Amino acid sequence: MIQLATLAHNVTYDGATLNVYHAKKGQGIPRHSHGYAHLTVCHAGSCAVRKEGKELIMTKDTQPINLVADGWHEIEALEDGTVFVNVFA
């Protein structure tokens, strides 16, 4: 079970919100869905992003991904010191 990661920073700028999470292995954002899409970026460490039967392992070198509105998804840190960011408008 994924434990909720620490929300380190929450910034809103010019209509966009950035949520920056600092996570230890096994932490992240448990399975959920919502009515808006968001971009997810991994800045440090690695994380697994799971959505509707698919899984992507992300690192700082991975292209940011779009998680569509109304589809379930979850994000799990695979190592201590993982930093990931969700961006939405």
PDB file of N, CA and C in Angstrom:
ATOM      1  N   MET A   1       0.835  -1.183   0.000  1.00  0.00           N
ATOM      2  CA  MET A   1       0.000   0.000   0.000  1.00  0.00           C
ATOM      3  C   MET A   1       0.885   1.254   0.000  1.00  0.00           C
ATOM      4  N   ILE A   2       0.575   2.197  -0.829  1.00  0.00           N
ATOM      5  CA  ILE A   2       1.351   3.434  -0.953  1.00  0.00           C
ATOM      6  C   ILE A   2       0.979   4.378   0.193  1.00  0.00           C
ATOM      7  N   GLN A   3       2.008   4.852   0.890  1.00  0.00           N
ATOM      8  CA  GLN A   3       1.820   5.842   1.948  1.00  0.00           C
ATOM      9  C   GLN A   3       1.911   7.237   1.322  1.00  0.00           C
ATOM     10  N   LEU A   4       1.126   8.169   1.805  1.00  0.00           N
ATOM     11  CA  LEU A   4       1.082   9.513   1.234  1.00  0.00           C
ATOM     12  C   LEU A   4       2.423  10.221   1.406  1.00  0.00           C
ATOM     13  N   ALA A   5       2.943  10.763   0.316  1.00  0.00           N
ATOM     14  CA  ALA A   5       4.214  11.510   0.325  1.00  0.00           C
ATOM     15  C   ALA A   5       4.000  12.897   0.912  1.00  0.00           C
ATOM     16  N   THR A   6       5.083  13.514   1.337  1.00  0.00           N
ATOM     17  CA  THR A   6       5.041  14.858   1.879  1.00  0.00           C
ATOM     18  C   THR A   6       4.912  15.880   0.748  1.00  0.00           C
ATOM     19  N   LEU A   7       3.922  16.742   0.847  1.00  0.00           N
ATOM     20  CA  LEU A   7       3.793  17.857  -0.091  1.00  0.00           C
ATOM     21  C   LEU A   7       4.761  18.931   0.388  1.00  0.00           C
ATOM     22  N   ALA A   8       5.889  19.072  -0.316  1.00  0.00           N
ATOM     23  CA  ALA A   8       6.948  19.991   0.112  1.00  0.00           C
ATOM     24  C   ALA A   8       6.658  21.425  -0.295  1.00  0.00           C
ATOM     25  N   HIS A   9       6.087  21.600  -1.483  1.00  0.00           N
ATOM     26  CA  HIS A   9       5.790  22.950  -1.984  1.00  0.00           C
ATOM     27  C   HIS A   9       4.500  22.916  -2.791  1.00  0.00           C
ATOM     28  N   ASN A  10       3.725  23.968  -2.650  1.00  0.00           N
ATOM     29  CA  ASN A  10       2.516  24.170  -3.449  1.00  0.00           C
ATOM     30  C   ASN A  10       2.572  25.593  -3.960  1.00  0.00           C
ATOM     31  N   VAL A  11       2.704  25.738  -5.286  1.00  0.00           N
ATOM     32  CA  VAL A  11       2.886  27.055  -5.891  1.00  0.00           C
ATOM     33  C   VAL A  11       1.857  27.235  -6.995  1.00  0.00           C
ATOM     34  N   THR A  12       1.180  28.373  -6.995  1.00  0.00           N
ATOM     35  CA  THR A  12       0.289  28.721  -8.098  1.00  0.00           C
ATOM     36  C   THR A  12       0.874  29.951  -8.780  1.00  0.00           C
ATOM     37  N   TYR A  13       1.023  29.835 -10.101  1.00  0.00           N
ATOM     38  CA  TYR A  13       1.605  30.927 -10.863  1.00  0.00           C
ATOM     39  C   TYR A  13       0.888  31.040 -12.199  1.00  0.00           C
ATOM     40  N   ASP A  14       0.326  32.190 -12.473  1.00  0.00           N
ATOM     41  CA  ASP A  14      -0.303  32.499 -13.754  1.00  0.00           C
ATOM     42  C   ASP A  14      -1.295  31.418 -14.193  1.00  0.00           C
ATOM     43  N   GLY A  15      -2.083  30.920 -13.234  1.00  0.00           N
ATOM     44  CA  GLY A  15      -3.131  29.955 -13.546  1.00  0.00           C
ATOM     45  C   GLY A  15      -2.726  28.492 -13.465  1.00  0.00           C
ATOM     46  N   ALA A  16      -1.442  28.215 -13.265  1.00  0.00           N
ATOM     47  CA  ALA A  16      -0.987  26.823 -13.144  1.00  0.00           C
ATOM     48  C   ALA A  16      -0.562  26.564 -11.697  1.00  0.00           C
ATOM     49  N   THR A  17      -0.844  25.366 -11.212  1.00  0.00           N
ATOM     50  CA  THR A  17      -0.440  24.959  -9.868  1.00  0.00           C
ATOM     51  C   THR A  17       0.596  23.861  -9.965  1.00  0.00           C
ATOM     52  N   LEU A  18       1.641  23.981  -9.170  1.00  0.00           N
ATOM     53  CA  LEU A  18       2.681  22.964  -9.082  1.00  0.00           C
ATOM     54  C   LEU A  18       2.682  22.404  -7.664  1.00  0.00           C
ATOM     55  N   ASN A  19       2.520  21.106  -7.545  1.00  0.00           N
ATOM     56  CA  ASN A  19       2.649  20.417  -6.271  1.00  0.00           C
ATOM     57  C   ASN A  19       3.938  19.618  -6.315  1.00  0.00           C
ATOM     58  N   VAL A  20       4.871  19.948  -5.431  1.00  0.00           N
ATOM     59  CA  VAL A  20       6.174  19.294  -5.375  1.00  0.00           C
ATOM     60  C   VAL A  20       6.171  18.343  -4.180  1.00  0.00           C
ATOM     61  N   TYR A  21       6.425  17.060  -4.443  1.00  0.00           N
ATOM     62  CA  TYR A  21       6.420  16.033  -3.406  1.00  0.00           C
ATOM     63  C   TYR A  21       7.826  15.503  -3.168  1.00  0.00           C
ATOM     64  N   HIS A  22       8.189  15.323  -1.900  1.00  0.00           N
ATOM     65  CA  HIS A  22       9.427  14.661  -1.505  1.00  0.00           C
ATOM     66  C   HIS A  22       9.009  13.329  -0.883  1.00  0.00           C
ATOM     67  N   ALA A  23       9.549  12.239  -1.406  1.00  0.00           N
ATOM     68  CA  ALA A  23       9.053  10.925  -0.995  1.00  0.00           C
ATOM     69  C   ALA A  23      10.185   9.954  -0.680  1.00  0.00           C
ATOM     70  N   LYS A  24       9.908   9.082   0.269  1.00  0.00           N
ATOM     71  CA  LYS A  24      10.759   7.939   0.559  1.00  0.00           C
ATOM     72  C   LYS A  24      10.203   6.743  -0.191  1.00  0.00           C
ATOM     73  N   LYS A  25      10.989   5.689  -0.292  1.00  0.00           N
ATOM     74  CA  LYS A  25      10.547   4.469  -0.965  1.00  0.00           C
ATOM     75  C   LYS A  25       9.206   4.017  -0.389  1.00  0.00           C
ATOM     76  N   GLY A  26       8.245   3.738  -1.280  1.00  0.00           N
ATOM     77  CA  GLY A  26       6.917   3.279  -0.872  1.00  0.00           C
ATOM     78  C   GLY A  26       5.911   4.392  -0.638  1.00  0.00           C
ATOM     79  N   GLN A  27       6.375   5.627  -0.655  1.00  0.00           N
ATOM     80  CA  GLN A  27       5.467   6.759  -0.502  1.00  0.00           C
ATOM     81  C   GLN A  27       5.083   7.295  -1.875  1.00  0.00           C
ATOM     82  N   GLY A  28       4.050   8.098  -1.918  1.00  0.00           N
ATOM     83  CA  GLY A  28       3.610   8.706  -3.164  1.00  0.00           C
ATOM     84  C   GLY A  28       2.184   9.199  -3.029  1.00  0.00           C
ATOM     85  N   ILE A  29       1.413   8.956  -4.060  1.00  0.00           N
ATOM     86  CA  ILE A  29      -0.004   9.318  -4.059  1.00  0.00           C
ATOM     87  C   ILE A  29      -0.782   8.049  -4.413  1.00  0.00           C
ATOM     88  N   PRO A  30      -1.544   7.517  -3.450  1.00  0.00           N
ATOM     89  CA  PRO A  30      -2.303   6.290  -3.717  1.00  0.00           C
ATOM     90  C   PRO A  30      -3.314   6.462  -4.844  1.00  0.00           C
ATOM     91  N   ARG A  31      -3.794   5.348  -5.338  1.00  0.00           N
ATOM     92  CA  ARG A  31      -4.755   5.307  -6.449  1.00  0.00           C
ATOM     93  C   ARG A  31      -5.915   6.271  -6.213  1.00  0.00           C
ATOM     94  N   HIS A  32      -6.185   7.082  -7.239  1.00  0.00           N
ATOM     95  CA  HIS A  32      -7.265   8.068  -7.167  1.00  0.00           C
ATOM     96  C   HIS A  32      -7.613   8.532  -8.575  1.00  0.00           C
ATOM     97  N   SER A  33      -8.648   9.325  -8.697  1.00  0.00           N
ATOM     98  CA  SER A  33      -8.998   9.967  -9.960  1.00  0.00           C
ATOM     99  C   SER A  33      -9.595  11.334  -9.633  1.00  0.00           C
ATOM    100  N   HIS A  34      -9.620  12.200 -10.625  1.00  0.00           N
ATOM    101  CA  HIS A  34     -10.216  13.523 -10.457  1.00  0.00           C
ATOM    102  C   HIS A  34     -10.610  14.067 -11.816  1.00  0.00           C
ATOM    103  N   GLY A  35     -11.346  15.150 -11.825  1.00  0.00           N
ATOM    104  CA  GLY A  35     -11.932  15.680 -13.048  1.00  0.00           C
ATOM    105  C   GLY A  35     -11.032  16.585 -13.869  1.00  0.00           C
ATOM    106  N   TYR A  36      -9.740  16.585 -13.608  1.00  0.00           N
ATOM    107  CA  TYR A  36      -8.819  17.412 -14.382  1.00  0.00           C
ATOM    108  C   TYR A  36      -7.564  16.595 -14.721  1.00  0.00           C
ATOM    109  N   ALA A  37      -6.948  16.934 -15.832  1.00  0.00           N
ATOM    110  CA  ALA A  37      -5.696  16.296 -16.231  1.00  0.00           C
ATOM    111  C   ALA A  37      -4.536  16.987 -15.524  1.00  0.00           C
ATOM    112  N   HIS A  38      -3.411  16.282 -15.415  1.00  0.00           N
ATOM    113  CA  HIS A  38      -2.200  16.929 -14.907  1.00  0.00           C
ATOM    114  C   HIS A  38      -0.953  16.286 -15.492  1.00  0.00           C
ATOM    115  N   LEU A  39       0.098  17.057 -15.484  1.00  0.00           N
ATOM    116  CA  LEU A  39       1.406  16.628 -15.956  1.00  0.00           C
ATOM    117  C   LEU A  39       2.190  16.137 -14.750  1.00  0.00           C
ATOM    118  N   THR A  40       2.921  15.044 -14.900  1.00  0.00           N
ATOM    119  CA  THR A  40       3.778  14.538 -13.828  1.00  0.00           C
ATOM    120  C   THR A  40       5.216  14.477 -14.322  1.00  0.00           C
ATOM    121  N   VAL A  41       6.129  14.989 -13.475  1.00  0.00           N
ATOM    122  CA  VAL A  41       7.555  15.033 -13.781  1.00  0.00           C
ATOM    123  C   VAL A  41       8.309  14.463 -12.588  1.00  0.00           C
ATOM    124  N   CYS A  42       9.301  13.611 -12.836  1.00  0.00           N
ATOM    125  CA  CYS A  42      10.178  13.111 -11.784  1.00  0.00           C
ATOM    126  C   CYS A  42      11.477  13.906 -11.855  1.00  0.00           C
ATOM    127  N   HIS A  43      11.860  14.551 -10.754  1.00  0.00           N
ATOM    128  CA  HIS A  43      13.063  15.384 -10.739  1.00  0.00           C
ATOM    129  C   HIS A  43      14.264  14.701 -10.092  1.00  0.00           C
ATOM    130  N   ALA A  44      14.023  13.737  -9.209  1.00  0.00           N
ATOM    131  CA  ALA A  44      15.113  13.034  -8.534  1.00  0.00           C
ATOM    132  C   ALA A  44      14.619  11.651  -8.129  1.00  0.00           C
ATOM    133  N   GLY A  45      15.547  10.699  -8.042  1.00  0.00           N
ATOM    134  CA  GLY A  45      15.160   9.346  -7.678  1.00  0.00           C
ATOM    135  C   GLY A  45      14.400   8.679  -8.810  1.00  0.00           C
ATOM    136  N   SER A  46      13.444   7.849  -8.438  1.00  0.00           N
ATOM    137  CA  SER A  46      12.611   7.185  -9.439  1.00  0.00           C
ATOM    138  C   SER A  46      11.247   6.901  -8.859  1.00  0.00           C
ATOM    139  N   CYS A  47      10.252   6.855  -9.734  1.00  0.00           N
ATOM    140  CA  CYS A  47       8.892   6.551  -9.294  1.00  0.00           C
ATOM    141  C   CYS A  47       8.165   5.747 -10.361  1.00  0.00           C
ATOM    142  N   ALA A  48       7.211   4.968  -9.902  1.00  0.00           N
ATOM    143  CA  ALA A  48       6.337   4.208 -10.789  1.00  0.00           C
ATOM    144  C   ALA A  48       5.026   4.971 -10.899  1.00  0.00           C
ATOM    145  N   VAL A  49       4.615   5.223 -12.121  1.00  0.00           N
ATOM    146  CA  VAL A  49       3.314   5.835 -12.362  1.00  0.00           C
ATOM    147  C   VAL A  49       2.445   4.753 -12.981  1.00  0.00           C
ATOM    148  N   ARG A  50       1.344   4.457 -12.323  1.00  0.00           N
ATOM    149  CA  ARG A  50       0.436   3.415 -12.790  1.00  0.00           C
ATOM    150  C   ARG A  50      -0.902   4.033 -13.139  1.00  0.00           C
ATOM    151  N   LYS A  51      -1.443   3.607 -14.291  1.00  0.00           N
ATOM    152  CA  LYS A  51      -2.766   4.089 -14.691  1.00  0.00           C
ATOM    153  C   LYS A  51      -3.418   3.032 -15.552  1.00  0.00           C
ATOM    154  N   GLU A  52      -4.623   2.672 -15.194  1.00  0.00           N
ATOM    155  CA  GLU A  52      -5.476   1.777 -15.979  1.00  0.00           C
ATOM    156  C   GLU A  52      -4.723   0.620 -16.625  1.00  0.00           C
ATOM    157  N   GLY A  53      -3.991  -0.141 -15.794  1.00  0.00           N
ATOM    158  CA  GLY A  53      -3.324  -1.343 -16.275  1.00  0.00           C
ATOM    159  C   GLY A  53      -1.954  -1.124 -16.888  1.00  0.00           C
ATOM    160  N   LYS A  54      -1.444   0.100 -16.879  1.00  0.00           N
ATOM    161  CA  LYS A  54      -0.128   0.396 -17.429  1.00  0.00           C
ATOM    162  C   LYS A  54       0.778   0.922 -16.321  1.00  0.00           C
ATOM    163  N   GLU A  55       2.081   0.705 -16.493  1.00  0.00           N
ATOM    164  CA  GLU A  55       3.044   1.223 -15.528  1.00  0.00           C
ATOM    165  C   GLU A  55       4.230   1.816 -16.277  1.00  0.00           C
ATOM    166  N   LEU A  56       4.690   2.975 -15.805  1.00  0.00           N
ATOM    167  CA  LEU A  56       5.868   3.630 -16.362  1.00  0.00           C
ATOM    168  C   LEU A  56       6.805   3.948 -15.210  1.00  0.00           C
ATOM    169  N   ILE A  57       8.061   3.536 -15.323  1.00  0.00           N
ATOM    170  CA  ILE A  57       9.070   3.908 -14.345  1.00  0.00           C
ATOM    171  C   ILE A  57       9.701   5.210 -14.819  1.00  0.00           C
ATOM    172  N   MET A  58       9.646   6.235 -13.977  1.00  0.00           N
ATOM    173  CA  MET A  58      10.161   7.557 -14.333  1.00  0.00           C
ATOM    174  C   MET A  58      11.409   7.885 -13.530  1.00  0.00           C
ATOM    175  N   THR A  59      12.343   8.598 -14.179  1.00  0.00           N
ATOM    176  CA  THR A  59      13.513   9.183 -13.537  1.00  0.00           C
ATOM    177  C   THR A  59      13.610  10.624 -14.026  1.00  0.00           C
ATOM    178  N   LYS A  60      14.674  11.312 -13.638  1.00  0.00           N
ATOM    179  CA  LYS A  60      14.866  12.696 -14.089  1.00  0.00           C
ATOM    180  C   LYS A  60      15.045  12.791 -15.593  1.00  0.00           C
ATOM    181  N   ASP A  61      15.361  11.683 -16.238  1.00  0.00           N
ATOM    182  CA  ASP A  61      15.575  11.667 -17.684  1.00  0.00           C
ATOM    183  C   ASP A  61      14.330  11.305 -18.488  1.00  0.00           C
ATOM    184  N   THR A  62      13.241  10.987 -17.805  1.00  0.00           N
ATOM    185  CA  THR A  62      12.001  10.575 -18.466  1.00  0.00           C
ATOM    186  C   THR A  62      11.188  11.791 -18.895  1.00  0.00           C
ATOM    187  N   GLN A  63      10.655  11.728 -20.098  1.00  0.00           N
ATOM    188  CA  GLN A  63       9.743  12.766 -20.599  1.00  0.00           C
ATOM    189  C   GLN A  63       8.559  12.896 -19.639  1.00  0.00           C
ATOM    190  N   PRO A  64       8.163  14.113 -19.250  1.00  0.00           N
ATOM    191  CA  PRO A  64       6.962  14.279 -18.426  1.00  0.00           C
ATOM    192  C   PRO A  64       5.758  13.625 -19.103  1.00  0.00           C
ATOM    193  N   ILE A  65       4.830  13.131 -18.292  1.00  0.00           N
ATOM    194  CA  ILE A  65       3.660  12.470 -18.861  1.00  0.00           C
ATOM    195  C   ILE A  65       2.386  13.193 -18.437  1.00  0.00           C
ATOM    196  N   ASN A  66       1.375  13.076 -19.283  1.00  0.00           N
ATOM    197  CA  ASN A  66       0.063  13.646 -19.015  1.00  0.00           C
ATOM    198  C   ASN A  66      -0.846  12.544 -18.474  1.00  0.00           C
ATOM    199  N   LEU A  67      -1.441  12.797 -17.334  1.00  0.00           N
ATOM    200  CA  LEU A  67      -2.436  11.882 -16.775  1.00  0.00           C
ATOM    201  C   LEU A  67      -3.803  12.498 -17.021  1.00  0.00           C
ATOM    202  N   VAL A  68      -4.612  11.816 -17.807  1.00  0.00           N
ATOM    203  CA  VAL A  68      -5.885  12.371 -18.268  1.00  0.00           C
ATOM    204  C   VAL A  68      -6.909  12.484 -17.151  1.00  0.00           C
ATOM    205  N   ALA A  69      -7.862  13.371 -17.342  1.00  0.00           N
ATOM    206  CA  ALA A  69      -8.949  13.557 -16.386  1.00  0.00           C
ATOM    207  C   ALA A  69      -9.803  12.299 -16.290  1.00  0.00           C
ATOM    208  N   ASP A  70     -10.334  12.058 -15.107  1.00  0.00           N
ATOM    209  CA  ASP A  70     -11.302  10.996 -14.829  1.00  0.00           C
ATOM    210  C   ASP A  70     -10.752   9.579 -14.933  1.00  0.00           C
ATOM    211  N   GLY A  71      -9.466   9.401 -15.171  1.00  0.00           N
ATOM    212  CA  GLY A  71      -8.874   8.063 -15.192  1.00  0.00           C
ATOM    213  C   GLY A  71      -8.097   7.836 -13.903  1.00  0.00           C
ATOM    214  N   TRP A  72      -8.177   6.633 -13.333  1.00  0.00           N
ATOM    215  CA  TRP A  72      -7.445   6.391 -12.082  1.00  0.00           C
ATOM    216  C   TRP A  72      -5.947   6.325 -12.361  1.00  0.00           C
ATOM    217  N   HIS A  73      -5.179   6.713 -11.361  1.00  0.00           N
ATOM    218  CA  HIS A  73      -3.729   6.657 -11.451  1.00  0.00           C
ATOM    219  C   HIS A  73      -3.149   6.704 -10.041  1.00  0.00           C
ATOM    220  N   GLU A  74      -1.871   6.310  -9.934  1.00  0.00           N
ATOM    221  CA  GLU A  74      -1.157   6.392  -8.673  1.00  0.00           C
ATOM    222  C   GLU A  74       0.329   6.594  -8.970  1.00  0.00           C
ATOM    223  N   ILE A  75       1.028   7.167  -8.005  1.00  0.00           N
ATOM    224  CA  ILE A  75       2.458   7.427  -8.148  1.00  0.00           C
ATOM    225  C   ILE A  75       3.142   6.881  -6.904  1.00  0.00           C
ATOM    226  N   GLU A  76       4.194   6.074  -7.107  1.00  0.00           N
ATOM    227  CA  GLU A  76       4.908   5.469  -5.988  1.00  0.00           C
ATOM    228  C   GLU A  76       6.409   5.672  -6.145  1.00  0.00           C
ATOM    229  N   ALA A  77       7.051   6.219  -5.104  1.00  0.00           N
ATOM    230  CA  ALA A  77       8.500   6.368  -5.099  1.00  0.00           C
ATOM    231  C   ALA A  77       9.141   4.994  -4.983  1.00  0.00           C
ATOM    232  N   LEU A  78      10.165   4.762  -5.783  1.00  0.00           N
ATOM    233  CA  LEU A  78      10.866   3.477  -5.768  1.00  0.00           C
ATOM    234  C   LEU A  78      12.161   3.538  -4.970  1.00  0.00           C
ATOM    235  N   GLU A  79      12.523   4.739  -4.509  1.00  0.00           N
ATOM    236  CA  GLU A  79      13.724   4.883  -3.695  1.00  0.00           C
ATOM    237  C   GLU A  79      13.594   6.129  -2.822  1.00  0.00           C
ATOM    238  N   ASP A  80      14.330   6.139  -1.736  1.00  0.00           N
ATOM    239  CA  ASP A  80      14.359   7.319  -0.880  1.00  0.00           C
ATOM    240  C   ASP A  80      14.915   8.501  -1.663  1.00  0.00           C
ATOM    241  N   GLY A  81      14.471   9.702  -1.313  1.00  0.00           N
ATOM    242  CA  GLY A  81      14.960  10.911  -1.959  1.00  0.00           C
ATOM    243  C   GLY A  81      14.306  11.216  -3.289  1.00  0.00           C
ATOM    244  N   THR A  82      13.183  10.561  -3.583  1.00  0.00           N
ATOM    245  CA  THR A  82      12.480  10.821  -4.835  1.00  0.00           C
ATOM    246  C   THR A  82      11.726  12.144  -4.741  1.00  0.00           C
ATOM    247  N   VAL A  83      11.820  12.944  -5.798  1.00  0.00           N
ATOM    248  CA  VAL A  83      11.086  14.201  -5.895  1.00  0.00           C
ATOM    249  C   VAL A  83      10.295  14.170  -7.199  1.00  0.00           C
ATOM    250  N   PHE A  84       8.974  14.338  -7.087  1.00  0.00           N
ATOM    251  CA  PHE A  84       8.143  14.421  -8.283  1.00  0.00           C
ATOM    252  C   PHE A  84       7.198  15.594  -8.166  1.00  0.00           C
ATOM    253  N   VAL A  85       6.769  16.080  -9.328  1.00  0.00           N
ATOM    254  CA  VAL A  85       5.948  17.290  -9.391  1.00  0.00           C
ATOM    255  C   VAL A  85       4.709  17.010 -10.238  1.00  0.00           C
ATOM    256  N   ASN A  86       3.558  17.436  -9.753  1.00  0.00           N
ATOM    257  CA  ASN A  86       2.322  17.412 -10.524  1.00  0.00           C
ATOM    258  C   ASN A  86       1.968  18.854 -10.888  1.00  0.00           C
ATOM    259  N   VAL A  87       1.657  19.084 -12.165  1.00  0.00           N
ATOM    260  CA  VAL A  87       1.338  20.420 -12.652  1.00  0.00           C
ATOM    261  C   VAL A  87      -0.056  20.379 -13.258  1.00  0.00           C
ATOM    262  N   PHE A  88      -0.908  21.315 -12.857  1.00  0.00           N
ATOM    263  CA  PHE A  88      -2.265  21.362 -13.410  1.00  0.00           C
ATOM    264  C   PHE A  88      -2.781  22.791 -13.415  1.00  0.00           C
ATOM    265  N   ALA A  89      -3.801  23.030 -14.249  1.00  0.00           N
ATOM    266  CA  ALA A  89      -4.399  24.355 -14.350  1.00  0.00           C
ATOM    267  C   ALA A  89      -5.830  24.304 -13.874  1.00  0.00           C
TER     268      ALA A  89
END
